Structure formats: structure tokens, C-alpha cells
PDB file of N, CA and C in Angstrom:
ATOM      1  N   MET A   1       0.810  -1.152   0.133  1.00  0.00           N
ATOM      2  CA  MET A   1       0.004   0.020   0.028  1.00  0.00           C
ATOM      3  C   MET A   1       0.925   1.314  -0.090  1.00  0.00           C
ATOM      4  N   TYR A   2       0.422   2.165  -0.990  1.00  0.00           N
ATOM      5  CA  TYR A   2       1.339   3.547  -0.708  1.00  0.00           C
ATOM      6  C   TYR A   2       0.702   4.206   0.361  1.00  0.00           C
ATOM      7  N   PHE A   3       1.558   5.334   0.689  1.00  0.00           N
ATOM      8  CA  PHE A   3       1.298   6.047   1.530  1.00  0.00           C
ATOM      9  C   PHE A   3      -0.124   6.985   1.458  1.00  0.00           C
ATOM     10  N   THR A   4       0.015   7.260  -0.097  1.00  0.00           N
ATOM     11  CA  THR A   4      -1.337   7.909  -0.487  1.00  0.00           C
ATOM     12  C   THR A   4      -2.700   6.909  -0.391  1.00  0.00           C
ATOM     13  N   ASP A   5      -2.508   5.949  -0.316  1.00  0.00           N
ATOM     14  CA  ASP A   5      -3.992   4.992  -0.395  1.00  0.00           C
ATOM     15  C   ASP A   5      -4.467   4.916   1.054  1.00  0.00           C
ATOM     16  N   ARG A   6      -3.872   5.972   1.931  1.00  0.00           N
ATOM     17  CA  ARG A   6      -4.421   5.733   3.318  1.00  0.00           C
ATOM     18  C   ARG A   6      -6.339   6.391   3.557  1.00  0.00           C
ATOM     19  N   GLY A   7      -6.246   7.441   2.613  1.00  0.00           N
ATOM     20  CA  GLY A   7      -7.705   7.624   2.644  1.00  0.00           C
ATOM     21  C   GLY A   7      -8.533   6.705   2.140  1.00  0.00           C
ATOM     22  N   ILE A   8      -8.270   5.984   0.919  1.00  0.00           N
ATOM     23  CA  ILE A   8      -9.002   4.916   0.498  1.00  0.00           C
ATOM     24  C   ILE A   8      -9.221   3.826   1.221  1.00  0.00           C
ATOM     25  N   GLU A   9      -8.098   3.527   2.155  1.00  0.00           N
ATOM     26  CA  GLU A   9      -8.118   2.509   3.235  1.00  0.00           C
ATOM     27  C   GLU A   9      -9.412   2.819   4.257  1.00  0.00           C
ATOM     28  N   GLU A  10      -8.882   4.191   4.347  1.00  0.00           N
ATOM     29  CA  GLU A  10      -9.727   4.492   5.762  1.00  0.00           C
ATOM     30  C   GLU A  10     -11.507   4.195   4.900  1.00  0.00           C
ATOM     31  N   LEU A  11     -11.755   4.916   4.036  1.00  0.00           N
ATOM     32  CA  LEU A  11     -12.703   4.765   3.193  1.00  0.00           C
ATOM     33  C   LEU A  11     -13.634   3.371   3.211  1.00  0.00           C
ATOM     34  N   ALA A  12     -13.046   2.274   2.908  1.00  0.00           N
ATOM     35  CA  ALA A  12     -13.227   0.799   2.846  1.00  0.00           C
ATOM     36  C   ALA A  12     -13.285   0.285   4.172  1.00  0.00           C
ATOM     37  N   ASP A  13     -12.381   0.735   5.090  1.00  0.00           N
ATOM     38  CA  ASP A  13     -12.591   0.325   6.875  1.00  0.00           C
ATOM     39  C   ASP A  13     -13.878   0.996   7.161  1.00  0.00           C
ATOM     40  N   ARG A  14     -14.154   2.348   6.884  1.00  0.00           N
ATOM     41  CA  ARG A  14     -15.110   3.125   7.736  1.00  0.00           C
ATOM     42  C   ARG A  14     -16.684   2.974   7.240  1.00  0.00           C
ATOM     43  N   ARG A  15     -16.412   3.056   5.416  1.00  0.00           N
ATOM     44  CA  ARG A  15     -18.079   2.689   4.939  1.00  0.00           C
ATOM     45  C   ARG A  15     -17.799   1.825   4.053  1.00  0.00           C
ATOM     46  N   GLY A  16     -17.094   1.049   4.015  1.00  0.00           N
ATOM     47  CA  GLY A  16     -17.018  -0.326   3.176  1.00  0.00           C
ATOM     48  C   GLY A  16     -18.539  -1.410   2.993  1.00  0.00           C
ATOM     49  N   ASP A  17     -19.316  -1.335   4.036  1.00  0.00           N
ATOM     50  CA  ASP A  17     -20.433  -1.891   3.882  1.00  0.00           C
ATOM     51  C   ASP A  17     -21.724  -1.123   3.206  1.00  0.00           C
ATOM     52  N   GLU A  18     -21.409   0.160   3.135  1.00  0.00           N
ATOM     53  CA  GLU A  18     -22.433   0.917   2.859  1.00  0.00           C
ATOM     54  C   GLU A  18     -22.526   0.764   1.326  1.00  0.00           C
ATOM     55  N   GLN A  19     -23.800   0.949   0.833  1.00  0.00           N
ATOM     56  CA  GLN A  19     -24.099   1.358  -0.640  1.00  0.00           C
ATOM     57  C   GLN A  19     -24.534   2.585  -0.858  1.00  0.00           C
ATOM     58  N   VAL A  20     -24.556   3.027  -1.851  1.00  0.00           N
ATOM     59  CA  VAL A  20     -24.278   4.653  -2.631  1.00  0.00           C
ATOM     60  C   VAL A  20     -24.764   4.514  -3.802  1.00  0.00           C
ATOM     61  N   SER A  21     -25.624   5.399  -4.106  1.00  0.00           N
ATOM     62  CA  SER A  21     -25.825   5.539  -5.733  1.00  0.00           C
ATOM     63  C   SER A  21     -24.726   6.740  -6.173  1.00  0.00           C
ATOM     64  N   PHE A  22     -24.601   6.323  -7.581  1.00  0.00           N
ATOM     65  CA  PHE A  22     -23.424   7.408  -8.324  1.00  0.00           C
ATOM     66  C   PHE A  22     -24.297   8.750  -8.250  1.00  0.00           C
ATOM     67  N   ALA A  23     -25.578   9.120  -7.955  1.00  0.00           N
ATOM     68  CA  ALA A  23     -26.051  10.559  -7.614  1.00  0.00           C
ATOM     69  C   ALA A  23     -25.605  10.765  -6.559  1.00  0.00           C
ATOM     70  N   TRP A  24     -25.779   9.958  -5.749  1.00  0.00           N
ATOM     71  CA  TRP A  24     -24.941  10.556  -4.431  1.00  0.00           C
ATOM     72  C   TRP A  24     -23.393  10.866  -4.423  1.00  0.00           C
ATOM     73  N   LEU A  25     -22.977  10.122  -5.008  1.00  0.00           N
ATOM     74  CA  LEU A  25     -21.250  10.048  -5.219  1.00  0.00           C
ATOM     75  C   LEU A  25     -21.094  11.555  -5.762  1.00  0.00           C
ATOM     76  N   ALA A  26     -21.827  11.885  -6.974  1.00  0.00           N
ATOM     77  CA  ALA A  26     -21.616  13.013  -7.857  1.00  0.00           C
ATOM     78  C   ALA A  26     -21.738  14.030  -6.786  1.00  0.00           C
ATOM     79  N   ASP A  27     -23.056  14.025  -6.175  1.00  0.00           N
ATOM     80  CA  ASP A  27     -23.316  15.398  -5.287  1.00  0.00           C
ATOM     81  C   ASP A  27     -22.075  15.658  -4.275  1.00  0.00           C
ATOM     82  N   ALA A  28     -21.601  14.299  -3.281  1.00  0.00           N
ATOM     83  CA  ALA A  28     -20.716  14.487  -2.354  1.00  0.00           C
ATOM     84  C   ALA A  28     -19.325  14.839  -3.284  1.00  0.00           C
ATOM     85  N   LEU A  29     -19.201  14.398  -4.534  1.00  0.00           N
ATOM     86  CA  LEU A  29     -17.879  15.106  -5.206  1.00  0.00           C
ATOM     87  C   LEU A  29     -17.965  16.799  -5.308  1.00  0.00           C
ATOM     88  N   ARG A  30     -19.331  17.224  -6.079  1.00  0.00           N
ATOM     89  CA  ARG A  30     -19.300  18.705  -6.011  1.00  0.00           C
ATOM     90  C   ARG A  30     -19.441  19.198  -5.003  1.00  0.00           C
ATOM     91  N   THR A  31     -19.856  19.053  -3.793  1.00  0.00           N
ATOM     92  CA  THR A  31     -19.579  19.477  -2.262  1.00  0.00           C
ATOM     93  C   THR A  31     -18.188  19.398  -2.237  1.00  0.00           C
ATOM     94  N   PHE A  32     -17.358  18.536  -2.447  1.00  0.00           N
ATOM     95  CA  PHE A  32     -15.941  18.544  -1.747  1.00  0.00           C
ATOM     96  C   PHE A  32     -15.194  19.477  -2.734  1.00  0.00           C
ATOM     97  N   VAL A  33     -15.582  19.991  -4.066  1.00  0.00           N
ATOM     98  CA  VAL A  33     -14.848  20.813  -4.934  1.00  0.00           C
ATOM     99  C   VAL A  33     -15.102  22.258  -4.904  1.00  0.00           C
ATOM    100  N   ASP A  34     -16.615  22.243  -4.227  1.00  0.00           N
ATOM    101  CA  ASP A  34     -16.884  23.666  -3.675  1.00  0.00           C
ATOM    102  C   ASP A  34     -16.374  24.350  -2.709  1.00  0.00           C
ATOM    103  N   GLU A  35     -15.811  23.004  -1.886  1.00  0.00           N
ATOM    104  CA  GLU A  35     -15.228  23.555  -0.312  1.00  0.00           C
ATOM    105  C   GLU A  35     -13.508  23.525  -0.685  1.00  0.00           C
ATOM    106  N   HIS A  36     -13.168  22.679  -1.406  1.00  0.00           N
ATOM    107  CA  HIS A  36     -11.744  22.631  -2.025  1.00  0.00           C
ATOM    108  C   HIS A  36     -11.754  22.932  -3.638  1.00  0.00           C
ATOM    109  N   PRO A  37     -11.700  23.833  -4.319  1.00  0.00           N
ATOM    110  CA  PRO A  37     -11.631  23.983  -5.698  1.00  0.00           C
ATOM    111  C   PRO A  37     -10.286  23.859  -6.175  1.00  0.00           C
ATOM    112  N   GLU A  38      -9.289  23.849  -5.322  1.00  0.00           N
ATOM    113  CA  GLU A  38      -7.734  23.444  -5.983  1.00  0.00           C
ATOM    114  C   GLU A  38      -7.785  21.783  -6.627  1.00  0.00           C
ATOM    115  N   PHE A  39      -8.799  21.465  -6.003  1.00  0.00           N
ATOM    116  CA  PHE A  39      -8.678  19.865  -6.216  1.00  0.00           C
ATOM    117  C   PHE A  39      -9.766  19.530  -7.471  1.00  0.00           C
ATOM    118  N   GLU A  40     -10.633  20.682  -8.162  1.00  0.00           N
ATOM    119  CA  GLU A  40     -11.405  20.467  -9.090  1.00  0.00           C
ATOM    120  C   GLU A  40     -10.712  19.459 -10.401  1.00  0.00           C
ATOM    121  N   THR A  41      -9.673  19.574 -10.717  1.00  0.00           N
ATOM    122  CA  THR A  41      -9.035  19.223 -12.183  1.00  0.00           C
ATOM    123  C   THR A  41      -9.047  17.330 -11.726  1.00  0.00           C
ATOM    124  N   ALA A  42      -8.515  17.332 -10.410  1.00  0.00           N
ATOM    125  CA  ALA A  42      -8.101  15.686  -9.936  1.00  0.00           C
ATOM    126  C   ALA A  42      -9.490  15.171  -9.714  1.00  0.00           C
ATOM    127  N   ILE A  43     -10.455  15.774  -9.218  1.00  0.00           N
ATOM    128  CA  ILE A  43     -11.906  15.167  -8.915  1.00  0.00           C
ATOM    129  C   ILE A  43     -12.615  15.061  -9.986  1.00  0.00           C
ATOM    130  N   ASP A  44     -12.737  16.091 -11.439  1.00  0.00           N
ATOM    131  CA  ASP A  44     -13.022  15.823 -12.787  1.00  0.00           C
ATOM    132  C   ASP A  44     -12.450  14.479 -13.434  1.00  0.00           C
ATOM    133  N   ARG A  45     -11.178  14.510 -13.070  1.00  0.00           N
ATOM    134  CA  ARG A  45     -10.637  13.135 -13.480  1.00  0.00           C
ATOM    135  C   ARG A  45     -10.992  11.875 -13.269  1.00  0.00           C
ATOM    136  N   VAL A  46     -10.950  11.621 -11.709  1.00  0.00           N
ATOM    137  CA  VAL A  46     -11.518  10.605 -11.423  1.00  0.00           C
ATOM    138  C   VAL A  46     -13.386  10.404 -11.801  1.00  0.00           C
ATOM    139  N   ALA A  47     -13.950  11.321 -11.756  1.00  0.00           N
ATOM    140  CA  ALA A  47     -15.455  11.371 -12.147  1.00  0.00           C
ATOM    141  C   ALA A  47     -15.236  10.940 -13.751  1.00  0.00           C
ATOM    142  N   THR A  48     -14.828  11.283 -14.507  1.00  0.00           N
ATOM    143  CA  THR A  48     -14.697  11.011 -15.846  1.00  0.00           C
ATOM    144  C   THR A  48     -14.106   9.477 -15.863  1.00  0.00           C
ATOM    145  N   TRP A  49     -13.233   9.148 -15.304  1.00  0.00           N
ATOM    146  CA  TRP A  49     -12.686   7.721 -15.134  1.00  0.00           C
ATOM    147  C   TRP A  49     -13.651   6.826 -14.767  1.00  0.00           C
ATOM    148  N   LEU A  50     -14.561   7.038 -13.703  1.00  0.00           N
ATOM    149  CA  LEU A  50     -15.555   6.100 -13.391  1.00  0.00           C
ATOM    150  C   LEU A  50     -16.559   6.047 -14.492  1.00  0.00           C
ATOM    151  N   ALA A  51     -17.120   7.204 -14.971  1.00  0.00           N
ATOM    152  CA  ALA A  51     -18.144   7.301 -16.004  1.00  0.00           C
ATOM    153  C   ALA A  51     -18.076   6.098 -17.052  1.00  0.00           C
ATOM    154  N   ARG A  52     -16.350   6.125 -17.226  1.00  0.00           N
ATOM    155  CA  ARG A  52     -15.974   5.690 -18.473  1.00  0.00           C
ATOM    156  C   ARG A  52     -15.320   4.311 -18.179  1.00  0.00           C
ATOM    157  N   ILE A  53     -15.470   3.746 -16.855  1.00  0.00           N
ATOM    158  CA  ILE A  53     -14.600   2.414 -16.673  1.00  0.00           C
ATOM    159  C   ILE A  53     -15.105   1.634 -17.441  1.00  0.00           C
ATOM    160  N   ASP A  54     -16.252   1.072 -17.954  1.00  0.00           N
ATOM    161  CA  ASP A  54     -16.804  -0.020 -18.594  1.00  0.00           C
ATOM    162  C   ASP A  54     -15.836   0.321 -20.119  1.00  0.00           C
ATOM    163  N   ASP A  55     -15.867   1.451 -20.477  1.00  0.00           N
ATOM    164  CA  ASP A  55     -15.273   1.471 -22.009  1.00  0.00           C
ATOM    165  C   ASP A  55     -14.024   1.290 -21.973  1.00  0.00           C
ATOM    166  N   GLU A  56     -13.106   1.126 -20.882  1.00  0.00           N
ATOM    167  CA  GLU A  56     -11.799   0.155 -20.825  1.00  0.00           C
ATOM    168  C   GLU A  56     -11.492  -0.842 -21.037  1.00  0.00           C
ATOM    169  N   GLN A  57     -12.822  -1.794 -20.551  1.00  0.00           N
ATOM    170  CA  GLN A  57     -12.701  -3.418 -20.311  1.00  0.00           C
ATOM    171  C   GLN A  57     -13.096  -3.805 -21.745  1.00  0.00           C
ATOM    172  N   GLU A  58     -13.523  -2.942 -22.700  1.00  0.00           N
ATOM    173  CA  GLU A  58     -13.854  -3.581 -23.971  1.00  0.00           C
ATOM    174  C   GLU A  58     -12.547  -3.998 -24.890  1.00  0.00           C
TER     175      GLU A  58
END
């Protein structure tokens, strides 16, 4: 595990049993960008990657 994976691991440990919709996730990402606009590009890239993840598997 990379040092930068700590947040991902915490998310999995604390909320890994929950189920959420992509609409909920999109809203949470918008809220995060509103509060931390310096991360807008990174969040946009993650959202685009998630939206197109099935395209990569073809």
C-alpha cells in the first residue's frame, strides 16, 4: 500500500459495507470541489474515469 492510499483504506474500513448511488457520489464530489476548488481537476478526472470505466474493459 502506498502512503497516499491511506484515505482509500479509511474509506473502505469505515464505510465499505454501505451502498450508495452514483447520484449521491456525484453530489458528494460537487460538495468537495465547492469546499476545495484547488482539487477540481483531480476530482473531474476521477469522475470521468468512473463514468467511462466500462469503456476501458472492451
